[in-house]
Amino acid sequence: MKDDEVLALIDDLTRIARERGASRIEVESGDVAVAVTVDAAPPAPAARESAAAGDRPSHDRAERVHASTVGIFSAAREWSAGDRVERGAVLGAIQSLGHMAEVTAPVGGALREVLVAGGAPVEYGQPLFVIDAR
């Protein structure tokens, strides 16, 4: 598996663990073994029901951008709330073990929140930005 495939698998496993209230998921396939541990309380019953029904208020189309690895975050530029971004725009990168992992905008819109400053250490899964989607 390529690095980006492994990172995508970890993202998917983390999402599944959080949605189901699991604390640990382990997957082994061929030469790849992945274990994800999540320290989060399961969502409240109302939140689970709303998510299951696909109910997202039309006025709250916020998308969080999370760190895909542990490392030091470097912003592509000095970002501020209200800045416009296009889908796929490079927001920055995370340096980890000599590798730079780009952080890109999953949707186009305006930055609602900038949650991390350039040069700050980040953890895997840590929210970095909140984007109000168009």
C-alpha atoms as a PDB file:
ATOM      1  CA  MET A   1       0.000   0.000   0.000  1.00  0.00           C
ATOM      2  CA  LYS A   2       1.118   3.530  -0.732  1.00  0.00           C
ATOM      3  CA  ASP A   3       1.489   6.077   2.077  1.00  0.00           C
ATOM      4  CA  ASP A   4      -1.570   8.045   0.958  1.00  0.00           C
ATOM      5  CA  GLU A   5      -3.660   4.844   0.871  1.00  0.00           C
ATOM      6  CA  VAL A   6      -2.565   3.980   4.415  1.00  0.00           C
ATOM      7  CA  LEU A   7      -3.413   7.514   5.601  1.00  0.00           C
ATOM      8  CA  ALA A   8      -6.846   7.273   3.935  1.00  0.00           C
ATOM      9  CA  LEU A   9      -7.418   3.916   5.652  1.00  0.00           C
ATOM     10  CA  ILE A  10      -6.472   5.423   9.019  1.00  0.00           C
ATOM     11  CA  ASP A  11      -8.852   8.358   8.404  1.00  0.00           C
ATOM     12  CA  ASP A  12     -11.680   5.955   7.552  1.00  0.00           C
ATOM     13  CA  LEU A  13     -11.022   3.775  10.596  1.00  0.00           C
ATOM     14  CA  THR A  14     -10.891   6.813  12.881  1.00  0.00           C
ATOM     15  CA  ARG A  15     -14.203   8.095  11.494  1.00  0.00           C
ATOM     16  CA  ILE A  16     -15.843   4.673  11.901  1.00  0.00           C
ATOM     17  CA  ALA A  17     -14.544   4.333  15.475  1.00  0.00           C
ATOM     18  CA  ARG A  18     -15.893   7.759  16.425  1.00  0.00           C
ATOM     19  CA  GLU A  19     -19.265   7.160  14.760  1.00  0.00           C
ATOM     20  CA  ARG A  20     -19.721   3.789  16.464  1.00  0.00           C
ATOM     21  CA  GLY A  21     -18.306   4.809  19.841  1.00  0.00           C
ATOM     22  CA  ALA A  22     -15.480   2.256  19.573  1.00  0.00           C
ATOM     23  CA  SER A  23     -12.247   2.886  21.396  1.00  0.00           C
ATOM     24  CA  ARG A  24     -10.019   0.705  19.203  1.00  0.00           C
ATOM     25  CA  ILE A  25     -10.147  -0.837  15.727  1.00  0.00           C
ATOM     26  CA  GLU A  26      -7.497  -3.168  14.314  1.00  0.00           C
ATOM     27  CA  VAL A  27      -7.199  -4.233  10.671  1.00  0.00           C
ATOM     28  CA  GLU A  28      -4.661  -6.597   9.149  1.00  0.00           C
ATOM     29  CA  SER A  29      -4.429  -7.360   5.451  1.00  0.00           C
ATOM     30  CA  GLY A  30      -1.423  -8.779   3.673  1.00  0.00           C
ATOM     31  CA  ASP A  31       1.666  -6.826   4.713  1.00  0.00           C
ATOM     32  CA  VAL A  32      -0.265  -3.972   6.371  1.00  0.00           C
ATOM     33  CA  ALA A  33      -1.488  -3.923   9.966  1.00  0.00           C
ATOM     34  CA  VAL A  34      -3.239  -0.827  11.311  1.00  0.00           C
ATOM     35  CA  ALA A  35      -4.568  -0.172  14.818  1.00  0.00           C
ATOM     36  CA  VAL A  36      -6.513   2.999  15.602  1.00  0.00           C
ATOM     37  CA  THR A  37      -7.284   4.066  19.165  1.00  0.00           C
ATOM     38  CA  VAL A  38      -9.818   6.844  19.701  1.00  0.00           C
ATOM     39  CA  ASP A  39     -10.189   8.690  23.000  1.00  0.00           C
ATOM     40  CA  ALA A  40     -13.637  10.174  22.527  1.00  0.00           C
ATOM     41  CA  ALA A  41     -16.993   9.725  24.147  1.00  0.00           C
ATOM     42  CA  PRO A  42     -19.665   8.322  21.857  1.00  0.00           C
ATOM     43  CA  PRO A  43     -21.993  10.964  20.431  1.00  0.00           C
ATOM     44  CA  ALA A  44     -25.193  11.726  22.262  1.00  0.00           C
ATOM     45  CA  PRO A  45     -28.237   9.694  21.103  1.00  0.00           C
ATOM     46  CA  ALA A  46     -29.828  12.743  19.431  1.00  0.00           C
ATOM     47  CA  ALA A  47     -26.617  13.447  17.522  1.00  0.00           C
ATOM     48  CA  ARG A  48     -26.420   9.807  16.356  1.00  0.00           C
ATOM     49  CA  GLU A  49     -30.044   9.861  15.194  1.00  0.00           C
ATOM     50  CA  SER A  50     -29.550  13.163  13.365  1.00  0.00           C
ATOM     51  CA  ALA A  51     -26.369  11.913  11.684  1.00  0.00           C
ATOM     52  CA  ALA A  52     -28.047   8.654  10.715  1.00  0.00           C
ATOM     53  CA  ALA A  53     -30.956  10.528   9.164  1.00  0.00           C
ATOM     54  CA  GLY A  54     -28.550  12.742   7.245  1.00  0.00           C
ATOM     55  CA  ASP A  55     -30.041  15.877   8.814  1.00  0.00           C
ATOM     56  CA  ARG A  56     -27.582  18.723   8.475  1.00  0.00           C
ATOM     57  CA  PRO A  57     -29.034  22.146   8.975  1.00  0.00           C
ATOM     58  CA  SER A  58     -28.706  24.075   5.736  1.00  0.00           C
ATOM     59  CA  HIS A  59     -27.194  27.059   7.574  1.00  0.00           C
ATOM     60  CA  ASP A  60     -24.407  24.929   9.108  1.00  0.00           C
ATOM     61  CA  ARG A  61     -22.346  23.532   6.261  1.00  0.00           C
ATOM     62  CA  ALA A  62     -19.047  23.600   8.082  1.00  0.00           C
ATOM     63  CA  GLU A  63     -16.262  21.219   7.127  1.00  0.00           C
ATOM     64  CA  ARG A  64     -13.347  20.576   9.484  1.00  0.00           C
ATOM     65  CA  VAL A  65      -9.872  20.042   8.111  1.00  0.00           C
ATOM     66  CA  HIS A  66      -7.904  17.576  10.254  1.00  0.00           C
ATOM     67  CA  ALA A  67      -4.210  16.744  10.544  1.00  0.00           C
ATOM     68  CA  SER A  68      -3.394  13.578   8.592  1.00  0.00           C
ATOM     69  CA  THR A  69      -0.250  12.881  10.615  1.00  0.00           C
ATOM     70  CA  VAL A  70       1.704  13.940  13.695  1.00  0.00           C
ATOM     71  CA  GLY A  71       4.292  16.649  13.129  1.00  0.00           C
ATOM     72  CA  ILE A  72       4.917  20.379  12.790  1.00  0.00           C
ATOM     73  CA  PHE A  73       2.341  22.407  10.853  1.00  0.00           C
ATOM     74  CA  SER A  74       3.563  24.990   8.334  1.00  0.00           C
ATOM     75  CA  ALA A  75       0.891  27.281   6.911  1.00  0.00           C
ATOM     76  CA  ALA A  76       0.990  28.030   3.172  1.00  0.00           C
ATOM     77  CA  ARG A  77       0.343  31.649   4.152  1.00  0.00           C
ATOM     78  CA  GLU A  78      -1.066  33.549   7.115  1.00  0.00           C
ATOM     79  CA  TRP A  79      -4.713  32.487   7.181  1.00  0.00           C
ATOM     80  CA  SER A  80      -7.518  34.442   8.871  1.00  0.00           C
ATOM     81  CA  ALA A  81     -11.212  33.835   9.460  1.00  0.00           C
ATOM     82  CA  GLY A  82     -13.134  35.009   6.404  1.00  0.00           C
ATOM     83  CA  ASP A  83     -10.406  34.124   3.883  1.00  0.00           C
ATOM     84  CA  ARG A  84     -11.843  32.412   0.783  1.00  0.00           C
ATOM     85  CA  VAL A  85     -10.447  29.032  -0.259  1.00  0.00           C
ATOM     86  CA  GLU A  86     -11.122  26.826  -3.258  1.00  0.00           C
ATOM     87  CA  ARG A  87     -11.566  23.063  -3.021  1.00  0.00           C
ATOM     88  CA  GLY A  88      -8.108  21.450  -3.206  1.00  0.00           C
ATOM     89  CA  ALA A  89      -6.265  24.635  -2.212  1.00  0.00           C
ATOM     90  CA  VAL A  90      -3.101  23.921  -0.212  1.00  0.00           C
ATOM     91  CA  LEU A  91      -3.602  25.336   3.288  1.00  0.00           C
ATOM     92  CA  GLY A  92      -0.232  24.163   4.533  1.00  0.00           C
ATOM     93  CA  ALA A  93       1.806  21.051   5.231  1.00  0.00           C
ATOM     94  CA  ILE A  94       2.784  18.883   8.178  1.00  0.00           C
ATOM     95  CA  GLN A  95       6.421  17.876   8.474  1.00  0.00           C
ATOM     96  CA  SER A  96       6.858  14.450  10.008  1.00  0.00           C
ATOM     97  CA  LEU A  97      10.017  12.346   9.903  1.00  0.00           C
ATOM     98  CA  GLY A  98      11.364  14.314   6.963  1.00  0.00           C
ATOM     99  CA  HIS A  99       8.150  13.927   4.965  1.00  0.00           C
ATOM    100  CA  MET A 100       5.816  16.824   4.112  1.00  0.00           C
ATOM    101  CA  ALA A 101       2.109  15.935   4.050  1.00  0.00           C
ATOM    102  CA  GLU A 102       0.038  18.619   2.318  1.00  0.00           C
ATOM    103  CA  VAL A 103      -3.100  19.881   4.019  1.00  0.00           C
ATOM    104  CA  THR A 104      -5.736  20.780   1.431  1.00  0.00           C
ATOM    105  CA  ALA A 105      -9.223  22.252   1.572  1.00  0.00           C
ATOM    106  CA  PRO A 106     -11.812  19.469   1.126  1.00  0.00           C
ATOM    107  CA  VAL A 107     -14.440  22.029   0.021  1.00  0.00           C
ATOM    108  CA  GLY A 108     -14.516  25.557  -1.307  1.00  0.00           C
ATOM    109  CA  GLY A 109     -15.804  28.352   0.905  1.00  0.00           C
ATOM    110  CA  ALA A 110     -14.711  30.775   3.595  1.00  0.00           C
ATOM    111  CA  LEU A 111     -12.558  29.952   6.610  1.00  0.00           C
ATOM    112  CA  ARG A 112     -14.725  30.128   9.713  1.00  0.00           C
ATOM    113  CA  GLU A 113     -11.888  29.322  12.122  1.00  0.00           C
ATOM    114  CA  VAL A 114      -8.123  28.943  11.991  1.00  0.00           C
ATOM    115  CA  LEU A 115      -7.352  26.530  14.832  1.00  0.00           C
ATOM    116  CA  VAL A 116      -3.572  26.173  14.510  1.00  0.00           C
ATOM    117  CA  ALA A 117      -0.724  28.589  13.866  1.00  0.00           C
ATOM    118  CA  GLY A 118       2.231  27.937  11.594  1.00  0.00           C
ATOM    119  CA  GLY A 119       5.099  26.255  13.437  1.00  0.00           C
ATOM    120  CA  ALA A 120       2.782  24.555  15.952  1.00  0.00           C
ATOM    121  CA  PRO A 121       3.060  20.836  16.715  1.00  0.00           C
ATOM    122  CA  VAL A 122      -0.072  18.897  15.711  1.00  0.00           C
ATOM    123  CA  GLU A 123      -1.461  15.458  16.528  1.00  0.00           C
ATOM    124  CA  TYR A 124      -3.094  13.035  14.116  1.00  0.00           C
ATOM    125  CA  GLY A 125      -6.768  13.916  13.674  1.00  0.00           C
ATOM    126  CA  GLN A 126      -6.433  17.343  15.305  1.00  0.00           C
ATOM    127  CA  PRO A 127      -8.740  19.932  13.734  1.00  0.00           C
ATOM    128  CA  LEU A 128      -6.735  22.629  11.916  1.00  0.00           C
ATOM    129  CA  PHE A 129      -9.372  24.715  10.116  1.00  0.00           C
ATOM    130  CA  VAL A 130     -13.150  25.027   9.850  1.00  0.00           C
ATOM    131  CA  ILE A 131     -14.485  25.958   6.415  1.00  0.00           C
ATOM    132  CA  ASP A 132     -18.008  27.255   5.725  1.00  0.00           C
ATOM    133  CA  ALA A 133     -18.808  25.412   2.529  1.00  0.00           C
ATOM    134  CA  ARG A 134     -20.484  27.193  -0.368  1.00  0.00           C
END
